[in-house]
Amino acid sequence: MKKALVLACALLFVASVAFAAGKTYQVTGPVLEVNANYIVVQKGKEKWEVARDASTKVTGDLKVGSKVTIEYTMKAVSVEAKEAKKK
């Protein structure tokens, strides 16, 4: 019984950490530009610029022309709410 309770608590902790991390998304394509602050990837006809910093984990040789898959999250930096217009 005690083991089951410990296991249940551990699973709840892992689930809460995963929820707090937010939903992740992916973009795949060739690298058009790369520097310490961002990576630009071609996805179809669109160019995607994804921010990066020193904590971004990179595996392999990241350079222009490399095909990459970037995993990213979306997070609001600020929100300005205004009252809806009255009819």
N, C-alpha and C. Protein backbone atom coordinates (compact mmCIF):
# COMPACT_ATOMS: atom_id res chain seq x y z
N MET A 1 0.83 -1.20 0.00
CA MET A 1 0.00 0.00 0.00
C MET A 1 0.87 1.26 0.00
N LYS A 2 1.93 1.22 0.82
CA LYS A 2 2.81 2.39 0.90
C LYS A 2 3.51 2.62 -0.43
N LYS A 3 3.94 1.53 -1.10
CA LYS A 3 4.61 1.65 -2.40
C LYS A 3 3.66 2.25 -3.44
N ALA A 4 2.41 1.83 -3.40
CA ALA A 4 1.42 2.34 -4.35
C ALA A 4 1.20 3.84 -4.14
N LEU A 5 1.17 4.28 -2.90
CA LEU A 5 0.99 5.69 -2.60
C LEU A 5 2.19 6.51 -3.07
N VAL A 6 3.39 6.00 -2.84
CA VAL A 6 4.61 6.69 -3.28
C VAL A 6 4.64 6.76 -4.81
N LEU A 7 4.27 5.67 -5.48
CA LEU A 7 4.24 5.65 -6.94
C LEU A 7 3.21 6.65 -7.48
N ALA A 8 2.03 6.70 -6.85
CA ALA A 8 1.00 7.64 -7.28
C ALA A 8 1.46 9.09 -7.11
N CYS A 9 2.12 9.38 -6.01
CA CYS A 9 2.64 10.74 -5.78
C CYS A 9 3.71 11.09 -6.82
N ALA A 10 4.57 10.13 -7.13
CA ALA A 10 5.61 10.36 -8.13
C ALA A 10 5.00 10.65 -9.50
N LEU A 11 3.98 9.89 -9.88
CA LEU A 11 3.32 10.11 -11.16
C LEU A 11 2.63 11.47 -11.21
N LEU A 12 2.01 11.87 -10.12
CA LEU A 12 1.37 13.19 -10.08
C LEU A 12 2.41 14.30 -10.21
N PHE A 13 3.55 14.12 -9.57
CA PHE A 13 4.62 15.11 -9.67
C PHE A 13 5.11 15.23 -11.11
N VAL A 14 5.37 14.11 -11.77
CA VAL A 14 5.83 14.12 -13.16
C VAL A 14 4.79 14.77 -14.06
N ALA A 15 3.53 14.45 -13.86
CA ALA A 15 2.46 15.03 -14.67
C ALA A 15 2.37 16.54 -14.46
N SER A 16 2.52 17.00 -13.22
CA SER A 16 2.43 18.44 -12.96
C SER A 16 3.61 19.19 -13.57
N VAL A 17 4.80 18.58 -13.56
CA VAL A 17 5.97 19.20 -14.19
C VAL A 17 5.77 19.28 -15.69
N ALA A 18 5.26 18.24 -16.30
CA ALA A 18 5.01 18.23 -17.74
C ALA A 18 3.96 19.27 -18.11
N PHE A 19 2.92 19.42 -17.31
CA PHE A 19 1.88 20.42 -17.58
C PHE A 19 2.44 21.82 -17.45
N ALA A 20 3.27 22.04 -16.44
CA ALA A 20 3.84 23.37 -16.22
C ALA A 20 4.78 23.76 -17.35
N ALA A 21 5.43 22.78 -17.97
CA ALA A 21 6.37 23.07 -19.05
C ALA A 21 5.65 23.59 -20.28
N GLY A 22 4.38 23.32 -20.44
CA GLY A 22 3.61 23.80 -21.57
C GLY A 22 3.70 22.86 -22.75
N LYS A 23 2.87 23.15 -23.73
CA LYS A 23 2.82 22.34 -24.94
C LYS A 23 4.03 22.67 -25.81
N THR A 24 4.59 21.66 -26.44
CA THR A 24 5.72 21.88 -27.34
C THR A 24 5.28 21.67 -28.78
N TYR A 25 5.97 22.33 -29.68
CA TYR A 25 5.71 22.26 -31.11
C TYR A 25 7.03 21.97 -31.82
N GLN A 26 6.96 21.63 -33.11
CA GLN A 26 8.16 21.35 -33.88
C GLN A 26 8.10 22.03 -35.24
N VAL A 27 9.26 22.40 -35.73
CA VAL A 27 9.40 22.88 -37.10
C VAL A 27 10.64 22.21 -37.67
N THR A 28 10.54 21.72 -38.90
CA THR A 28 11.65 21.02 -39.56
C THR A 28 11.94 21.67 -40.90
N GLY A 29 13.22 21.80 -41.20
CA GLY A 29 13.63 22.35 -42.48
C GLY A 29 15.09 22.69 -42.51
N PRO A 30 15.57 23.19 -43.64
CA PRO A 30 16.98 23.57 -43.75
C PRO A 30 17.23 24.91 -43.05
N VAL A 31 18.41 25.03 -42.47
CA VAL A 31 18.81 26.26 -41.79
C VAL A 31 19.24 27.28 -42.84
N LEU A 32 18.66 28.49 -42.77
CA LEU A 32 19.04 29.58 -43.66
C LEU A 32 20.04 30.52 -43.01
N GLU A 33 19.89 30.67 -41.68
CA GLU A 33 20.77 31.57 -40.93
C GLU A 33 20.81 31.08 -39.49
N VAL A 34 21.96 31.24 -38.85
CA VAL A 34 22.10 30.82 -37.45
C VAL A 34 23.10 31.75 -36.76
N ASN A 35 22.76 32.14 -35.53
CA ASN A 35 23.71 32.88 -34.69
C ASN A 35 23.38 32.57 -33.23
N ALA A 36 23.99 33.28 -32.30
CA ALA A 36 23.80 32.99 -30.88
C ALA A 36 22.40 33.30 -30.38
N ASN A 37 21.64 34.11 -31.13
CA ASN A 37 20.32 34.55 -30.66
C ASN A 37 19.13 33.92 -31.36
N TYR A 38 19.33 33.41 -32.58
CA TYR A 38 18.20 32.81 -33.29
C TYR A 38 18.67 31.86 -34.39
N ILE A 39 17.71 31.04 -34.88
CA ILE A 39 17.91 30.14 -36.01
C ILE A 39 16.78 30.42 -36.98
N VAL A 40 17.12 30.59 -38.26
CA VAL A 40 16.10 30.80 -39.30
C VAL A 40 16.01 29.51 -40.11
N VAL A 41 14.79 28.96 -40.21
CA VAL A 41 14.54 27.70 -40.91
C VAL A 41 13.54 27.95 -42.02
N GLN A 42 13.75 27.31 -43.17
CA GLN A 42 12.80 27.38 -44.29
C GLN A 42 11.78 26.27 -44.12
N LYS A 43 10.50 26.63 -44.01
CA LYS A 43 9.42 25.64 -43.92
C LYS A 43 8.46 25.93 -45.06
N GLY A 44 8.56 25.14 -46.11
CA GLY A 44 7.76 25.42 -47.30
C GLY A 44 8.19 26.74 -47.90
N LYS A 45 7.23 27.67 -48.06
CA LYS A 45 7.56 28.99 -48.61
C LYS A 45 7.85 30.01 -47.51
N GLU A 46 7.69 29.59 -46.26
CA GLU A 46 7.86 30.51 -45.13
C GLU A 46 9.22 30.37 -44.48
N LYS A 47 9.71 31.48 -43.92
CA LYS A 47 10.93 31.47 -43.12
C LYS A 47 10.52 31.61 -41.66
N TRP A 48 10.97 30.67 -40.85
CA TRP A 48 10.66 30.68 -39.42
C TRP A 48 11.90 31.11 -38.66
N GLU A 49 11.77 32.15 -37.83
CA GLU A 49 12.86 32.59 -36.97
C GLU A 49 12.53 32.16 -35.55
N VAL A 50 13.39 31.33 -34.97
CA VAL A 50 13.17 30.81 -33.63
C VAL A 50 14.29 31.30 -32.73
N ALA A 51 13.91 31.94 -31.63
CA ALA A 51 14.90 32.47 -30.68
C ALA A 51 15.65 31.33 -29.99
N ARG A 52 16.90 31.61 -29.62
CA ARG A 52 17.69 30.65 -28.85
C ARG A 52 18.60 31.42 -27.92
N ASP A 53 19.13 30.71 -26.91
CA ASP A 53 20.09 31.31 -25.99
C ASP A 53 21.08 30.24 -25.55
N ALA A 54 21.88 30.55 -24.56
CA ALA A 54 22.93 29.63 -24.12
C ALA A 54 22.37 28.33 -23.56
N SER A 55 21.12 28.33 -23.11
CA SER A 55 20.53 27.11 -22.54
C SER A 55 19.91 26.20 -23.60
N THR A 56 19.85 26.63 -24.86
CA THR A 56 19.28 25.81 -25.93
C THR A 56 20.18 24.62 -26.19
N LYS A 57 19.62 23.42 -26.10
CA LYS A 57 20.39 22.19 -26.32
C LYS A 57 20.50 21.95 -27.83
N VAL A 58 21.72 21.81 -28.30
CA VAL A 58 21.97 21.56 -29.72
C VAL A 58 22.77 20.27 -29.85
N THR A 59 22.28 19.35 -30.67
CA THR A 59 23.04 18.13 -30.97
C THR A 59 23.37 18.14 -32.45
N GLY A 60 24.55 17.70 -32.79
CA GLY A 60 24.97 17.69 -34.19
C GLY A 60 25.63 19.01 -34.57
N ASP A 61 25.94 19.14 -35.85
CA ASP A 61 26.64 20.31 -36.38
C ASP A 61 25.62 21.30 -36.92
N LEU A 62 25.29 22.31 -36.13
CA LEU A 62 24.30 23.31 -36.51
C LEU A 62 24.97 24.38 -37.37
N LYS A 63 24.60 24.40 -38.65
CA LYS A 63 25.17 25.39 -39.57
C LYS A 63 24.19 25.61 -40.71
N VAL A 64 24.44 26.66 -41.48
CA VAL A 64 23.60 26.95 -42.64
C VAL A 64 23.61 25.75 -43.58
N GLY A 65 22.43 25.34 -44.02
CA GLY A 65 22.29 24.19 -44.91
C GLY A 65 21.93 22.90 -44.20
N SER A 66 22.20 22.81 -42.90
CA SER A 66 21.83 21.61 -42.14
C SER A 66 20.31 21.49 -42.08
N LYS A 67 19.79 20.27 -42.16
CA LYS A 67 18.36 20.05 -41.95
C LYS A 67 18.18 19.82 -40.46
N VAL A 68 17.29 20.58 -39.85
CA VAL A 68 17.09 20.52 -38.41
C VAL A 68 15.62 20.30 -38.07
N THR A 69 15.38 19.78 -36.91
CA THR A 69 14.05 19.76 -36.30
C THR A 69 14.19 20.51 -34.99
N ILE A 70 13.44 21.59 -34.87
CA ILE A 70 13.49 22.43 -33.67
C ILE A 70 12.23 22.18 -32.86
N GLU A 71 12.40 21.89 -31.60
CA GLU A 71 11.28 21.78 -30.67
C GLU A 71 11.21 23.08 -29.89
N TYR A 72 10.02 23.69 -29.85
CA TYR A 72 9.88 24.99 -29.19
C TYR A 72 8.56 25.06 -28.45
N THR A 73 8.44 26.06 -27.59
CA THR A 73 7.20 26.33 -26.87
C THR A 73 6.76 27.77 -27.16
N MET A 74 5.50 28.05 -26.94
CA MET A 74 4.99 29.42 -27.06
C MET A 74 4.60 29.90 -25.67
N LYS A 75 5.05 31.10 -25.33
CA LYS A 75 4.77 31.66 -24.02
C LYS A 75 4.49 33.15 -24.17
N ALA A 76 3.42 33.62 -23.57
CA ALA A 76 3.09 35.04 -23.62
C ALA A 76 4.12 35.82 -22.81
N VAL A 77 4.60 36.92 -23.38
CA VAL A 77 5.53 37.80 -22.68
C VAL A 77 4.76 38.89 -21.96
N SER A 78 3.71 39.40 -22.61
CA SER A 78 2.83 40.38 -21.97
C SER A 78 1.45 40.29 -22.60
N VAL A 79 0.46 40.76 -21.87
CA VAL A 79 -0.93 40.76 -22.35
C VAL A 79 -1.54 42.10 -21.98
N GLU A 80 -2.16 42.76 -22.95
CA GLU A 80 -2.89 44.01 -22.70
C GLU A 80 -4.33 43.75 -23.08
N ALA A 81 -5.21 43.78 -22.08
CA ALA A 81 -6.64 43.54 -22.31
C ALA A 81 -7.38 44.87 -22.36
N LYS A 82 -8.30 45.00 -23.30
CA LYS A 82 -9.11 46.20 -23.42
C LYS A 82 -10.57 45.79 -23.43
N GLU A 83 -11.43 46.70 -22.97
CA GLU A 83 -12.86 46.41 -22.95
C GLU A 83 -13.39 46.27 -24.37
N ALA A 84 -14.31 45.36 -24.55
CA ALA A 84 -14.95 45.18 -25.85
C ALA A 84 -15.80 46.39 -26.18
N LYS A 85 -15.89 46.74 -27.46
CA LYS A 85 -16.70 47.87 -27.88
C LYS A 85 -18.18 47.53 -27.70
N LYS A 86 -18.92 48.50 -27.20
CA LYS A 86 -20.36 48.30 -26.98
C LYS A 86 -21.11 48.63 -28.25
N LYS A 87 -22.15 47.84 -28.57
CA LYS A 87 -22.95 48.05 -29.78
C LYS A 87 -24.06 49.03 -29.54
